[in-house]
Amino acid sequence: MAVHTAGEDDRRRAGQDFERELSKLFGRARSLSLSLAARVHPDLDGAAYALLLHIDDVGPARAADVVERTGLDKSTVSRQLARLVDLGLVERVPDPSDGRARLLRLSESGASRLERVRDDRRRRLRERVAEWPTEDLREFARLLARLNDDL
């Protein structure tokens, strides 16, 4: 039978609490992504929504760059990008540095729909943490960045 010190038990409980809260956060994030995707376009799923966000964040990009940056399977990205094009949210445009290549960028409709949804999401998040002290927000952002770097 292993004997644990009080410090080890406290560390184990803290780790369990962290894991439980992170699991709840990830579940809520998945649910929110599905809801936001539907608000951008009723036929948009969560995976394609994530790619739409990525394209918006990085700007026009080649499909191969999207695959590399996201770490997703090429066939998955290709299928999701085709879906975004079919929905009119993304368009393929000539690459100015290589006339044979095509870049993917948000269409005018995709950009305006996404902007409305993102603005609303940001507003709602600000409302939820309106009572948090600024220092708590900074510390939470710092810790989330640290977690993202470690993951």
C-alpha atoms as a PDB file:
ATOM      1  CA  MET A   1       0.000   0.000   0.000  1.00  0.00           C
ATOM      2  CA  ALA A   2       1.445   3.334  -1.075  1.00  0.00           C
ATOM      3  CA  VAL A   3       1.686   6.044   1.501  1.00  0.00           C
ATOM      4  CA  HIS A   4       1.054   9.559   0.242  1.00  0.00           C
ATOM      5  CA  THR A   5       2.162  12.711   1.928  1.00  0.00           C
ATOM      6  CA  ALA A   6      -0.283  15.546   2.494  1.00  0.00           C
ATOM      7  CA  GLY A   7       1.456  17.506  -0.275  1.00  0.00           C
ATOM      8  CA  GLU A   8       1.072  14.599  -2.730  1.00  0.00           C
ATOM      9  CA  ASP A   9      -2.605  14.200  -1.851  1.00  0.00           C
ATOM     10  CA  ASP A  10      -3.181  17.925  -2.261  1.00  0.00           C
ATOM     11  CA  ARG A  11      -1.384  17.894  -5.641  1.00  0.00           C
ATOM     12  CA  ARG A  12      -3.462  14.870  -6.784  1.00  0.00           C
ATOM     13  CA  ARG A  13      -6.739  16.549  -5.751  1.00  0.00           C
ATOM     14  CA  ALA A  14      -5.696  19.790  -7.465  1.00  0.00           C
ATOM     15  CA  GLY A  15      -4.895  17.817 -10.619  1.00  0.00           C
ATOM     16  CA  GLN A  16      -8.281  16.100 -10.496  1.00  0.00           C
ATOM     17  CA  ASP A  17     -10.057  19.427  -9.999  1.00  0.00           C
ATOM     18  CA  PHE A  18      -8.108  20.902 -12.911  1.00  0.00           C
ATOM     19  CA  GLU A  19      -8.959  17.954 -15.169  1.00  0.00           C
ATOM     20  CA  ARG A  20     -12.665  18.081 -14.238  1.00  0.00           C
ATOM     21  CA  GLU A  21     -12.947  21.829 -14.891  1.00  0.00           C
ATOM     22  CA  LEU A  22     -11.008  21.554 -18.139  1.00  0.00           C
ATOM     23  CA  SER A  23     -13.298  18.754 -19.282  1.00  0.00           C
ATOM     24  CA  LYS A  24     -16.349  20.926 -18.545  1.00  0.00           C
ATOM     25  CA  LEU A  25     -14.772  23.850 -20.410  1.00  0.00           C
ATOM     26  CA  PHE A  26     -13.997  21.709 -23.476  1.00  0.00           C
ATOM     27  CA  GLY A  27     -17.538  20.344 -23.495  1.00  0.00           C
ATOM     28  CA  ARG A  28     -19.006  23.824 -23.317  1.00  0.00           C
ATOM     29  CA  ALA A  29     -16.629  25.011 -26.050  1.00  0.00           C
ATOM     30  CA  ARG A  30     -17.757  22.175 -28.358  1.00  0.00           C
ATOM     31  CA  SER A  31     -21.397  22.987 -27.701  1.00  0.00           C
ATOM     32  CA  LEU A  32     -20.786  26.700 -28.274  1.00  0.00           C
ATOM     33  CA  SER A  33     -18.922  25.999 -31.531  1.00  0.00           C
ATOM     34  CA  LEU A  34     -21.866  24.000 -32.859  1.00  0.00           C
ATOM     35  CA  SER A  35     -24.262  26.781 -31.904  1.00  0.00           C
ATOM     36  CA  LEU A  36     -22.083  29.496 -33.443  1.00  0.00           C
ATOM     37  CA  ALA A  37     -21.546  27.446 -36.603  1.00  0.00           C
ATOM     38  CA  ALA A  38     -25.309  27.187 -37.083  1.00  0.00           C
ATOM     39  CA  ARG A  39     -25.634  30.937 -36.626  1.00  0.00           C
ATOM     40  CA  VAL A  40     -23.044  31.567 -39.360  1.00  0.00           C
ATOM     41  CA  HIS A  41     -24.904  29.176 -41.692  1.00  0.00           C
ATOM     42  CA  PRO A  42     -27.551  26.576 -40.827  1.00  0.00           C
ATOM     43  CA  ASP A  43     -25.688  23.873 -42.782  1.00  0.00           C
ATOM     44  CA  LEU A  44     -22.270  24.573 -41.234  1.00  0.00           C
ATOM     45  CA  ASP A  45     -20.857  21.959 -38.853  1.00  0.00           C
ATOM     46  CA  GLY A  46     -18.363  22.447 -36.048  1.00  0.00           C
ATOM     47  CA  ALA A  47     -15.316  21.146 -37.945  1.00  0.00           C
ATOM     48  CA  ALA A  48     -15.898  23.412 -40.940  1.00  0.00           C
ATOM     49  CA  TYR A  49     -16.577  26.304 -38.565  1.00  0.00           C
ATOM     50  CA  ALA A  50     -13.140  25.778 -37.003  1.00  0.00           C
ATOM     51  CA  LEU A  51     -11.538  25.974 -40.467  1.00  0.00           C
ATOM     52  CA  LEU A  52     -13.541  29.101 -41.239  1.00  0.00           C
ATOM     53  CA  LEU A  53     -12.130  30.706 -38.089  1.00  0.00           C
ATOM     54  CA  HIS A  54      -8.639  29.610 -39.054  1.00  0.00           C
ATOM     55  CA  ILE A  55      -8.893  31.117 -42.537  1.00  0.00           C
ATOM     56  CA  ASP A  56     -10.230  34.334 -41.052  1.00  0.00           C
ATOM     57  CA  ASP A  57      -7.349  34.476 -38.567  1.00  0.00           C
ATOM     58  CA  VAL A  58      -4.506  33.769 -41.026  1.00  0.00           C
ATOM     59  CA  GLY A  59      -5.942  35.429 -44.118  1.00  0.00           C
ATOM     60  CA  PRO A  60      -5.834  33.990 -47.620  1.00  0.00           C
ATOM     61  CA  ALA A  61      -3.968  30.684 -47.631  1.00  0.00           C
ATOM     62  CA  ARG A  62      -3.322  27.667 -49.813  1.00  0.00           C
ATOM     63  CA  ALA A  63      -5.111  24.482 -48.830  1.00  0.00           C
ATOM     64  CA  ALA A  64      -1.722  22.849 -48.120  1.00  0.00           C
ATOM     65  CA  ASP A  65      -0.923  25.655 -45.661  1.00  0.00           C
ATOM     66  CA  VAL A  66      -4.248  25.092 -43.889  1.00  0.00           C
ATOM     67  CA  VAL A  67      -3.412  21.378 -43.579  1.00  0.00           C
ATOM     68  CA  GLU A  68       0.050  22.171 -42.212  1.00  0.00           C
ATOM     69  CA  ARG A  69      -1.101  24.825 -39.738  1.00  0.00           C
ATOM     70  CA  THR A  70      -4.035  22.846 -38.376  1.00  0.00           C
ATOM     71  CA  GLY A  71      -2.335  19.449 -38.290  1.00  0.00           C
ATOM     72  CA  LEU A  72      -5.473  17.852 -39.703  1.00  0.00           C
ATOM     73  CA  ASP A  73      -5.607  15.121 -42.316  1.00  0.00           C
ATOM     74  CA  LYS A  74      -5.405  16.418 -45.901  1.00  0.00           C
ATOM     75  CA  SER A  75      -8.596  14.635 -46.988  1.00  0.00           C
ATOM     76  CA  THR A  76     -10.521  15.997 -43.995  1.00  0.00           C
ATOM     77  CA  VAL A  77      -9.384  19.553 -44.692  1.00  0.00           C
ATOM     78  CA  SER A  78     -10.140  19.173 -48.384  1.00  0.00           C
ATOM     79  CA  ARG A  79     -13.661  17.939 -47.674  1.00  0.00           C
ATOM     80  CA  GLN A  80     -14.352  20.710 -45.153  1.00  0.00           C
ATOM     81  CA  LEU A  81     -12.937  23.413 -47.434  1.00  0.00           C
ATOM     82  CA  ALA A  82     -15.109  22.162 -50.314  1.00  0.00           C
ATOM     83  CA  ARG A  83     -18.091  22.405 -47.968  1.00  0.00           C
ATOM     84  CA  LEU A  84     -17.202  26.004 -47.061  1.00  0.00           C
ATOM     85  CA  VAL A  85     -16.917  26.890 -50.751  1.00  0.00           C
ATOM     86  CA  ASP A  86     -20.251  25.174 -51.527  1.00  0.00           C
ATOM     87  CA  LEU A  87     -21.917  27.173 -48.749  1.00  0.00           C
ATOM     88  CA  GLY A  88     -20.544  30.402 -50.213  1.00  0.00           C
ATOM     89  CA  LEU A  89     -18.536  31.211 -47.080  1.00  0.00           C
ATOM     90  CA  VAL A  90     -15.086  30.734 -48.666  1.00  0.00           C
ATOM     91  CA  GLU A  91     -13.880  31.404 -52.169  1.00  0.00           C
ATOM     92  CA  ARG A  92     -10.877  30.288 -54.184  1.00  0.00           C
ATOM     93  CA  VAL A  93      -8.878  33.136 -55.725  1.00  0.00           C
ATOM     94  CA  PRO A  94      -5.672  33.239 -57.789  1.00  0.00           C
ATOM     95  CA  ASP A  95      -2.438  33.392 -55.808  1.00  0.00           C
ATOM     96  CA  PRO A  96      -0.755  36.669 -56.848  1.00  0.00           C
ATOM     97  CA  SER A  97       2.686  35.080 -56.368  1.00  0.00           C
ATOM     98  CA  ASP A  98       1.861  32.013 -58.506  1.00  0.00           C
ATOM     99  CA  GLY A  99      -0.869  32.305 -61.126  1.00  0.00           C
ATOM    100  CA  ARG A 100      -1.313  28.515 -61.231  1.00  0.00           C
ATOM    101  CA  ALA A 101      -2.075  28.248 -57.502  1.00  0.00           C
ATOM    102  CA  ARG A 102      -5.290  29.160 -55.691  1.00  0.00           C
ATOM    103  CA  LEU A 103      -5.765  30.754 -52.309  1.00  0.00           C
ATOM    104  CA  LEU A 104      -8.721  30.294 -49.999  1.00  0.00           C
ATOM    105  CA  ARG A 105     -10.238  33.340 -48.366  1.00  0.00           C
ATOM    106  CA  LEU A 106     -13.522  34.242 -46.748  1.00  0.00           C
ATOM    107  CA  SER A 107     -16.129  35.428 -49.202  1.00  0.00           C
ATOM    108  CA  GLU A 108     -17.826  38.731 -48.526  1.00  0.00           C
ATOM    109  CA  SER A 109     -20.828  36.837 -47.174  1.00  0.00           C
ATOM    110  CA  GLY A 110     -18.648  34.537 -45.066  1.00  0.00           C
ATOM    111  CA  ALA A 111     -16.729  37.456 -43.604  1.00  0.00           C
ATOM    112  CA  SER A 112     -19.836  39.448 -42.697  1.00  0.00           C
ATOM    113  CA  ARG A 113     -21.659  36.444 -41.216  1.00  0.00           C
ATOM    114  CA  LEU A 114     -18.628  35.427 -39.178  1.00  0.00           C
ATOM    115  CA  GLU A 115     -18.000  38.968 -37.980  1.00  0.00           C
ATOM    116  CA  ARG A 116     -21.585  39.271 -36.674  1.00  0.00           C
ATOM    117  CA  VAL A 117     -21.330  35.994 -34.802  1.00  0.00           C
ATOM    118  CA  ARG A 118     -17.868  36.746 -33.384  1.00  0.00           C
ATOM    119  CA  ASP A 119     -18.921  40.229 -32.247  1.00  0.00           C
ATOM    120  CA  ASP A 120     -21.936  38.762 -30.465  1.00  0.00           C
ATOM    121  CA  ARG A 121     -19.802  36.009 -28.894  1.00  0.00           C
ATOM    122  CA  ARG A 122     -17.271  38.563 -27.611  1.00  0.00           C
ATOM    123  CA  ARG A 123     -20.034  40.773 -26.210  1.00  0.00           C
ATOM    124  CA  ARG A 124     -21.589  37.846 -24.361  1.00  0.00           C
ATOM    125  CA  LEU A 125     -18.238  36.748 -22.957  1.00  0.00           C
ATOM    126  CA  ARG A 126     -17.477  40.281 -21.748  1.00  0.00           C
ATOM    127  CA  GLU A 127     -20.877  40.343 -20.025  1.00  0.00           C
ATOM    128  CA  ARG A 128     -20.140  37.031 -18.267  1.00  0.00           C
ATOM    129  CA  VAL A 129     -16.858  38.290 -16.818  1.00  0.00           C
ATOM    130  CA  ALA A 130     -17.872  41.933 -16.303  1.00  0.00           C
ATOM    131  CA  GLU A 131     -17.511  41.595 -12.535  1.00  0.00           C
ATOM    132  CA  TRP A 132     -14.056  39.996 -12.708  1.00  0.00           C
ATOM    133  CA  PRO A 133     -11.196  42.249 -11.639  1.00  0.00           C
ATOM    134  CA  THR A 134      -8.888  43.205 -14.506  1.00  0.00           C
ATOM    135  CA  GLU A 135      -5.984  41.457 -12.797  1.00  0.00           C
ATOM    136  CA  ASP A 136      -7.966  38.187 -12.695  1.00  0.00           C
ATOM    137  CA  LEU A 137      -8.642  38.468 -16.429  1.00  0.00           C
ATOM    138  CA  ARG A 138      -4.943  39.075 -17.111  1.00  0.00           C
ATOM    139  CA  GLU A 139      -3.884  36.156 -14.915  1.00  0.00           C
ATOM    140  CA  PHE A 140      -6.443  33.798 -16.437  1.00  0.00           C
ATOM    141  CA  ALA A 141      -5.338  34.786 -19.968  1.00  0.00           C
ATOM    142  CA  ARG A 142      -1.698  34.238 -18.944  1.00  0.00           C
ATOM    143  CA  LEU A 143      -2.460  30.786 -17.543  1.00  0.00           C
ATOM    144  CA  LEU A 144      -4.533  29.813 -20.585  1.00  0.00           C
ATOM    145  CA  ALA A 145      -1.655  30.883 -22.853  1.00  0.00           C
ATOM    146  CA  ARG A 146       0.718  28.782 -20.763  1.00  0.00           C
ATOM    147  CA  LEU A 147      -1.609  25.780 -21.024  1.00  0.00           C
ATOM    148  CA  ASN A 148      -1.967  26.253 -24.790  1.00  0.00           C
ATOM    149  CA  ASP A 149       1.813  26.404 -25.150  1.00  0.00           C
ATOM    150  CA  ASP A 150       2.231  23.235 -23.077  1.00  0.00           C
ATOM    151  CA  LEU A 151      -0.476  21.398 -25.026  1.00  0.00           C
END
